[in-house]
C-alpha atoms as a PDB file:
ATOM      1  CA  MET A   1      51.302 -39.761  11.079  1.00  0.00           C
ATOM      2  CA  ARG A   2      49.648 -38.327   8.313  1.00  0.00           C
ATOM      3  CA  LYS A   3      53.217 -38.078   6.254  1.00  0.00           C
ATOM      4  CA  VAL A   4      54.231 -42.056   7.805  1.00  0.00           C
ATOM      5  CA  LEU A   5      50.869 -42.954   6.159  1.00  0.00           C
ATOM      6  CA  PHE A   6      50.485 -41.361   2.786  1.00  0.00           C
ATOM      7  CA  VAL A   7      54.682 -42.583   2.601  1.00  0.00           C
ATOM      8  CA  ALA A   8      53.390 -46.674   2.819  1.00  0.00           C
ATOM      9  CA  LEU A   9      50.494 -46.293   0.864  1.00  0.00           C
ATOM     10  CA  VAL A  10      52.712 -44.746  -2.076  1.00  0.00           C
ATOM     11  CA  VAL A  11      54.748 -47.769  -1.661  1.00  0.00           C
ATOM     12  CA  LEU A  12      52.456 -49.734  -1.407  1.00  0.00           C
ATOM     13  CA  ALA A  13      50.545 -49.026  -4.679  1.00  0.00           C
ATOM     14  CA  ALA A  14      53.894 -49.080  -6.039  1.00  0.00           C
ATOM     15  CA  SER A  15      54.940 -52.302  -5.293  1.00  0.00           C
ATOM     16  CA  VAL A  16      51.466 -54.070  -6.010  1.00  0.00           C
ATOM     17  CA  ALA A  17      50.865 -51.471  -9.486  1.00  0.00           C
ATOM     18  CA  PRO A  18      52.894 -53.917 -12.080  1.00  0.00           C
ATOM     19  CA  ALA A  19      51.552 -56.972 -10.528  1.00  0.00           C
ATOM     20  CA  PHE A  20      48.559 -56.344 -11.857  1.00  0.00           C
ATOM     21  CA  ALA A  21      49.909 -55.459 -14.797  1.00  0.00           C
ATOM     22  CA  GLN A  22      49.267 -57.568 -18.340  1.00  0.00           C
ATOM     23  CA  ALA A  23      52.297 -59.528 -19.532  1.00  0.00           C
ATOM     24  CA  ARG A  24      51.821 -59.376 -23.528  1.00  0.00           C
ATOM     25  CA  SER A  25      54.062 -59.685 -25.855  1.00  0.00           C
ATOM     26  CA  TYR A  26      53.389 -59.612 -29.969  1.00  0.00           C
ATOM     27  CA  LYS A  27      54.091 -60.777 -33.112  1.00  0.00           C
ATOM     28  CA  VAL A  28      54.445 -59.394 -36.001  1.00  0.00           C
ATOM     29  CA  LEU A  29      53.975 -61.167 -39.148  1.00  0.00           C
ATOM     30  CA  ALA A  30      55.005 -59.791 -43.073  1.00  0.00           C
ATOM     31  CA  THR A  31      54.954 -61.597 -46.345  1.00  0.00           C
ATOM     32  CA  SER A  32      53.080 -61.033 -49.501  1.00  0.00           C
ATOM     33  CA  LYS A  33      51.373 -65.082 -49.968  1.00  0.00           C
ATOM     34  CA  THR A  34      48.573 -65.554 -48.019  1.00  0.00           C
ATOM     35  CA  SER A  35      49.701 -69.334 -48.043  1.00  0.00           C
ATOM     36  CA  THR A  36      52.367 -68.019 -45.815  1.00  0.00           C
ATOM     37  CA  MET A  37      50.129 -66.248 -43.905  1.00  0.00           C
ATOM     38  CA  GLN A  38      47.678 -68.435 -43.162  1.00  0.00           C
ATOM     39  CA  LYS A  39      50.403 -71.390 -41.888  1.00  0.00           C
ATOM     40  CA  GLU A  40      52.125 -68.159 -39.879  1.00  0.00           C
ATOM     41  CA  MET A  41      49.317 -67.258 -38.394  1.00  0.00           C
ATOM     42  CA  GLN A  42      48.252 -70.276 -37.478  1.00  0.00           C
ATOM     43  CA  GLU A  43      50.763 -71.284 -35.387  1.00  0.00           C
ATOM     44  CA  ALA A  44      51.475 -68.256 -33.598  1.00  0.00           C
ATOM     45  CA  GLY A  45      47.535 -68.712 -32.414  1.00  0.00           C
ATOM     46  CA  ASP A  46      48.652 -72.362 -32.078  1.00  0.00           C
ATOM     47  CA  ALA A  47      51.052 -70.822 -29.345  1.00  0.00           C
ATOM     48  CA  GLY A  48      48.174 -68.922 -27.779  1.00  0.00           C
ATOM     49  CA  PHE A  49      48.743 -65.517 -30.086  1.00  0.00           C
ATOM     50  CA  ARG A  50      45.248 -63.411 -31.128  1.00  0.00           C
ATOM     51  CA  PHE A  51      44.795 -61.619 -33.814  1.00  0.00           C
ATOM     52  CA  VAL A  52      45.205 -57.635 -33.641  1.00  0.00           C
ATOM     53  CA  SER A  53      45.369 -56.262 -36.616  1.00  0.00           C
ATOM     54  CA  VAL A  54      45.793 -56.537 -40.683  1.00  0.00           C
ATOM     55  CA  MET A  55      46.957 -53.492 -43.099  1.00  0.00           C
ATOM     56  CA  GLY A  56      48.174 -54.735 -46.562  1.00  0.00           C
ATOM     57  CA  GLY A  57      50.352 -52.241 -48.114  1.00  0.00           C
ATOM     58  CA  GLU A  58      54.594 -51.348 -49.377  1.00  0.00           C
ATOM     59  CA  THR A  59      56.749 -52.170 -46.395  1.00  0.00           C
ATOM     60  CA  ALA A  60      59.949 -49.959 -46.736  1.00  0.00           C
ATOM     61  CA  ILE A  61      61.995 -54.002 -47.774  1.00  0.00           C
ATOM     62  CA  GLY A  62      59.256 -56.372 -47.839  1.00  0.00           C
ATOM     63  CA  GLY A  63      57.705 -54.105 -50.715  1.00  0.00           C
ATOM     64  CA  LYS A  64      54.153 -55.139 -51.545  1.00  0.00           C
ATOM     65  CA  GLU A  65      53.341 -56.927 -48.220  1.00  0.00           C
ATOM     66  CA  VAL A  66      50.184 -57.967 -45.334  1.00  0.00           C
ATOM     67  CA  VAL A  67      51.753 -56.975 -42.377  1.00  0.00           C
ATOM     68  CA  VAL A  68      49.620 -58.751 -39.051  1.00  0.00           C
ATOM     69  CA  LEU A  69      50.364 -57.823 -35.603  1.00  0.00           C
ATOM     70  CA  MET A  70      49.514 -60.400 -32.536  1.00  0.00           C
ATOM     71  CA  GLU A  71      49.170 -60.423 -29.092  1.00  0.00           C
ATOM     72  CA  LYS A  72      49.221 -62.936 -26.546  1.00  0.00           C
ATOM     73  CA  VAL A  73      47.934 -61.926 -22.705  1.00  0.00           C
ATOM     74  CA  ALA A  74      49.673 -63.768 -20.285  1.00  0.00           C
ATOM     75  CA  SER A  75      46.461 -63.881 -19.121  1.00  0.00           C
ATOM     76  CA  ASP A  76      45.248 -66.219 -21.194  1.00  0.00           C
ATOM     77  CA  LYS A  77      45.838 -69.518 -21.797  1.00  0.00           C
ATOM     78  CA  ASN A  78      43.807 -69.997 -24.995  1.00  0.00           C
ATOM     79  CA  THR A  79      44.670 -71.194 -28.373  1.00  0.00           C
ATOM     80  CA  TYR A  80      43.199 -69.409 -32.086  1.00  0.00           C
ATOM     81  CA  SER A  81      42.803 -71.117 -34.743  1.00  0.00           C
ATOM     82  CA  TYR A  82      42.669 -69.415 -38.745  1.00  0.00           C
ATOM     83  CA  ARG A  83      41.683 -68.995 -42.057  1.00  0.00           C
ATOM     84  CA  LEU A  84      43.312 -66.567 -44.312  1.00  0.00           C
ATOM     85  CA  LEU A  85      39.773 -66.160 -47.214  1.00  0.00           C
ATOM     86  CA  ALA A  86      41.397 -64.508 -50.400  1.00  0.00           C
ATOM     87  CA  THR A  87      39.993 -64.240 -53.773  1.00  0.00           C
ATOM     88  CA  SER A  88      39.133 -61.537 -56.557  1.00  0.00           C
ATOM     89  CA  LYS A  89      35.665 -62.118 -56.282  1.00  0.00           C
ATOM     90  CA  THR A  90      33.276 -61.302 -53.553  1.00  0.00           C
ATOM     91  CA  SER A  91      30.373 -63.447 -54.179  1.00  0.00           C
ATOM     92  CA  THR A  92      33.097 -66.681 -53.351  1.00  0.00           C
ATOM     93  CA  LEU A  93      34.188 -64.276 -50.786  1.00  0.00           C
ATOM     94  CA  GLN A  94      31.260 -63.766 -49.208  1.00  0.00           C
ATOM     95  CA  LYS A  95      30.244 -67.691 -49.507  1.00  0.00           C
ATOM     96  CA  GLU A  96      33.823 -68.063 -47.602  1.00  0.00           C
ATOM     97  CA  LEU A  97      32.769 -66.345 -44.914  1.00  0.00           C
ATOM     98  CA  GLN A  98      30.121 -68.215 -44.354  1.00  0.00           C
ATOM     99  CA  GLU A  99      30.854 -71.422 -44.320  1.00  0.00           C
ATOM    100  CA  ALA A 100      33.668 -70.486 -41.552  1.00  0.00           C
ATOM    101  CA  SER A 101      31.205 -68.966 -39.759  1.00  0.00           C
ATOM    102  CA  ASP A 102      29.198 -72.055 -39.897  1.00  0.00           C
ATOM    103  CA  ALA A 103      32.303 -73.981 -38.489  1.00  0.00           C
ATOM    104  CA  GLY A 104      32.735 -71.511 -35.844  1.00  0.00           C
ATOM    105  CA  PHE A 105      35.345 -69.062 -36.997  1.00  0.00           C
ATOM    106  CA  VAL A 106      34.459 -65.050 -36.491  1.00  0.00           C
ATOM    107  CA  VAL A 107      35.196 -61.709 -38.572  1.00  0.00           C
ATOM    108  CA  VAL A 108      38.384 -60.687 -37.212  1.00  0.00           C
ATOM    109  CA  GLY A 109      40.068 -58.221 -39.875  1.00  0.00           C
ATOM    110  CA  GLN A 110      40.240 -57.779 -43.669  1.00  0.00           C
ATOM    111  CA  THR A 111      42.796 -56.585 -45.584  1.00  0.00           C
ATOM    112  CA  VAL A 112      43.716 -56.021 -49.992  1.00  0.00           C
ATOM    113  CA  PHE A 113      46.824 -58.882 -50.402  1.00  0.00           C
ATOM    114  CA  GLU A 114      48.937 -57.902 -53.702  1.00  0.00           C
ATOM    115  CA  SER A 115      50.807 -60.117 -55.353  1.00  0.00           C
ATOM    116  CA  MET A 116      54.418 -59.710 -57.087  1.00  0.00           C
ATOM    117  CA  PHE A 117      53.121 -60.041 -60.426  1.00  0.00           C
ATOM    118  CA  GLY A 118      50.021 -57.770 -59.729  1.00  0.00           C
ATOM    119  CA  GLY A 119      46.738 -59.132 -58.697  1.00  0.00           C
ATOM    120  CA  LYS A 120      45.340 -58.437 -56.061  1.00  0.00           C
ATOM    121  CA  GLU A 121      42.622 -59.723 -53.375  1.00  0.00           C
ATOM    122  CA  THR A 122      40.144 -58.897 -50.532  1.00  0.00           C
ATOM    123  CA  ALA A 123      40.715 -61.236 -47.426  1.00  0.00           C
ATOM    124  CA  ALA A 124      38.951 -61.727 -44.899  1.00  0.00           C
ATOM    125  CA  ILE A 125      40.495 -63.181 -41.678  1.00  0.00           C
ATOM    126  CA  VAL A 126      38.617 -65.424 -39.541  1.00  0.00           C
ATOM    127  CA  GLN A 127      39.599 -66.979 -35.694  1.00  0.00           C
ATOM    128  CA  LYS A 128      38.218 -69.493 -33.677  1.00  0.00           C
ATOM    129  CA  GLY A 129      39.362 -70.396 -29.840  1.00  0.00           C
ATOM    130  CA  GLY A 130      38.989 -67.927 -27.410  1.00  0.00           C
ATOM    131  CA  ALA A 131      35.287 -66.289 -25.893  1.00  0.00           C
ATOM    132  CA  ALA A 132      33.529 -66.835 -29.400  1.00  0.00           C
ATOM    133  CA  ASP A 133      30.832 -64.865 -30.096  1.00  0.00           C
ATOM    134  CA  GLY A 134      28.819 -67.059 -31.926  1.00  0.00           C
ATOM    135  CA  ARG A 135      27.538 -68.111 -35.068  1.00  0.00           C
ATOM    136  CA  PHE A 136      26.525 -65.818 -37.920  1.00  0.00           C
ATOM    137  CA  GLU A 137      24.848 -64.679 -40.938  1.00  0.00           C
ATOM    138  CA  TYR A 138      27.814 -62.789 -43.728  1.00  0.00           C
ATOM    139  CA  LYS A 139      26.892 -60.142 -46.186  1.00  0.00           C
ATOM    140  CA  LEU A 140      29.534 -58.367 -48.060  1.00  0.00           C
ATOM    141  CA  VAL A 141      27.830 -54.462 -49.281  1.00  0.00           C
ATOM    142  CA  ALA A 142      30.757 -54.087 -52.278  1.00  0.00           C
ATOM    143  CA  THR A 143      29.926 -51.281 -54.642  1.00  0.00           C
ATOM    144  CA  SER A 144      32.301 -48.827 -57.194  1.00  0.00           C
ATOM    145  CA  LYS A 145      30.279 -45.427 -55.817  1.00  0.00           C
ATOM    146  CA  THR A 146      30.584 -44.607 -52.121  1.00  0.00           C
ATOM    147  CA  SER A 147      26.901 -42.286 -53.370  1.00  0.00           C
ATOM    148  CA  THR A 148      25.835 -45.420 -53.019  1.00  0.00           C
ATOM    149  CA  LEU A 149      27.383 -47.298 -50.010  1.00  0.00           C
ATOM    150  CA  GLU A 150      25.378 -45.903 -47.238  1.00  0.00           C
ATOM    151  CA  LYS A 151      22.437 -46.471 -49.244  1.00  0.00           C
ATOM    152  CA  GLU A 152      23.017 -50.271 -49.476  1.00  0.00           C
ATOM    153  CA  LEU A 153      23.813 -49.884 -45.581  1.00  0.00           C
ATOM    154  CA  LYS A 154      21.502 -48.550 -44.491  1.00  0.00           C
ATOM    155  CA  GLU A 155      19.674 -51.737 -45.888  1.00  0.00           C
ATOM    156  CA  MET A 156      21.848 -54.297 -44.087  1.00  0.00           C
ATOM    157  CA  ALA A 157      20.737 -51.954 -41.399  1.00  0.00           C
ATOM    158  CA  ASP A 158      17.238 -52.279 -41.155  1.00  0.00           C
ATOM    159  CA  ALA A 159      17.972 -56.159 -41.553  1.00  0.00           C
ATOM    160  CA  GLY A 160      19.705 -56.654 -38.468  1.00  0.00           C
ATOM    161  CA  TYR A 161      23.138 -56.294 -40.132  1.00  0.00           C
ATOM    162  CA  GLU A 162      26.345 -54.479 -38.515  1.00  0.00           C
ATOM    163  CA  ALA A 163      29.753 -53.273 -40.319  1.00  0.00           C
ATOM    164  CA  ILE A 164      32.301 -54.912 -38.370  1.00  0.00           C
ATOM    165  CA  ASP A 165      35.279 -53.546 -41.471  1.00  0.00           C
ATOM    166  CA  LEU A 166      35.837 -51.757 -45.207  1.00  0.00           C
ATOM    167  CA  THR A 167      39.244 -51.891 -46.943  1.00  0.00           C
ATOM    168  CA  VAL A 168      38.985 -50.564 -51.039  1.00  0.00           C
ATOM    169  CA  GLY A 169      40.839 -53.101 -53.198  1.00  0.00           C
ATOM    170  CA  LYS A 170      40.742 -53.970 -57.738  1.00  0.00           C
ATOM    171  CA  THR A 171      38.226 -55.997 -58.420  1.00  0.00           C
ATOM    172  CA  ALA A 172      39.209 -58.807 -60.807  1.00  0.00           C
ATOM    173  CA  LEU A 173      37.431 -57.245 -63.701  1.00  0.00           C
ATOM    174  CA  GLY A 174      40.471 -54.368 -63.264  1.00  0.00           C
ATOM    175  CA  GLY A 175      37.798 -51.552 -61.036  1.00  0.00           C
ATOM    176  CA  SER A 176      37.830 -50.253 -58.016  1.00  0.00           C
ATOM    177  CA  GLU A 177      35.516 -51.414 -55.291  1.00  0.00           C
ATOM    178  CA  ILE A 178      34.910 -50.882 -51.907  1.00  0.00           C
ATOM    179  CA  VAL A 179      33.778 -53.987 -49.537  1.00  0.00           C
ATOM    180  CA  VAL A 180      31.947 -53.525 -46.297  1.00  0.00           C
ATOM    181  CA  ILE A 181      31.426 -57.121 -44.424  1.00  0.00           C
ATOM    182  CA  THR A 182      28.170 -56.773 -42.291  1.00  0.00           C
ATOM    183  CA  ARG A 183      27.041 -59.745 -40.014  1.00  0.00           C
ATOM    184  CA  ARG A 184      24.339 -60.594 -37.860  1.00  0.00           C
ATOM    185  CA  LYS A 185      23.833 -63.433 -35.310  1.00  0.00           C
ATOM    186  CA  ALA A 186      22.382 -66.356 -36.883  1.00  0.00           C
ATOM    187  CA  LYS A 187      18.586 -67.469 -36.085  1.00  0.00           C
END
């Protein structure tokens, strides 16, 4: 009797397990142009795909590209809006991040775009839709010295900010710079 009951439970569990699994599909977007990436991300967002991850660098075939991974979960009926903010000046990026936040967007990723002509821009991806986290105040910490980064981040933490992403890239002046995006709930 116990063996029959055990076999029945195993069969029942095996038949129910796929019903609990989330059907997922993915889109991989890759380009060297910020305008193309924003357009493709918006098209994917309109189709219900949400941002997962981003990375800039050299791909095997495409050369210097930014690659974005997007995911669609069958149970998620939301659509998403995206903006890709890219600039070589951290002050401009901070201003654009705050404007996007004021419009209901939240930062979901950061990378460095490198054009075919050798220019480099720090880029942030912002998303609106789904379970939005509310409005935030954004501050960027940008430094060329890792020794001062921890001190500056402590000061930001003491002011109520949390670090959410980091990149290392070239600045408009040609030096390497670490850029950390921080945020705190808007008052």
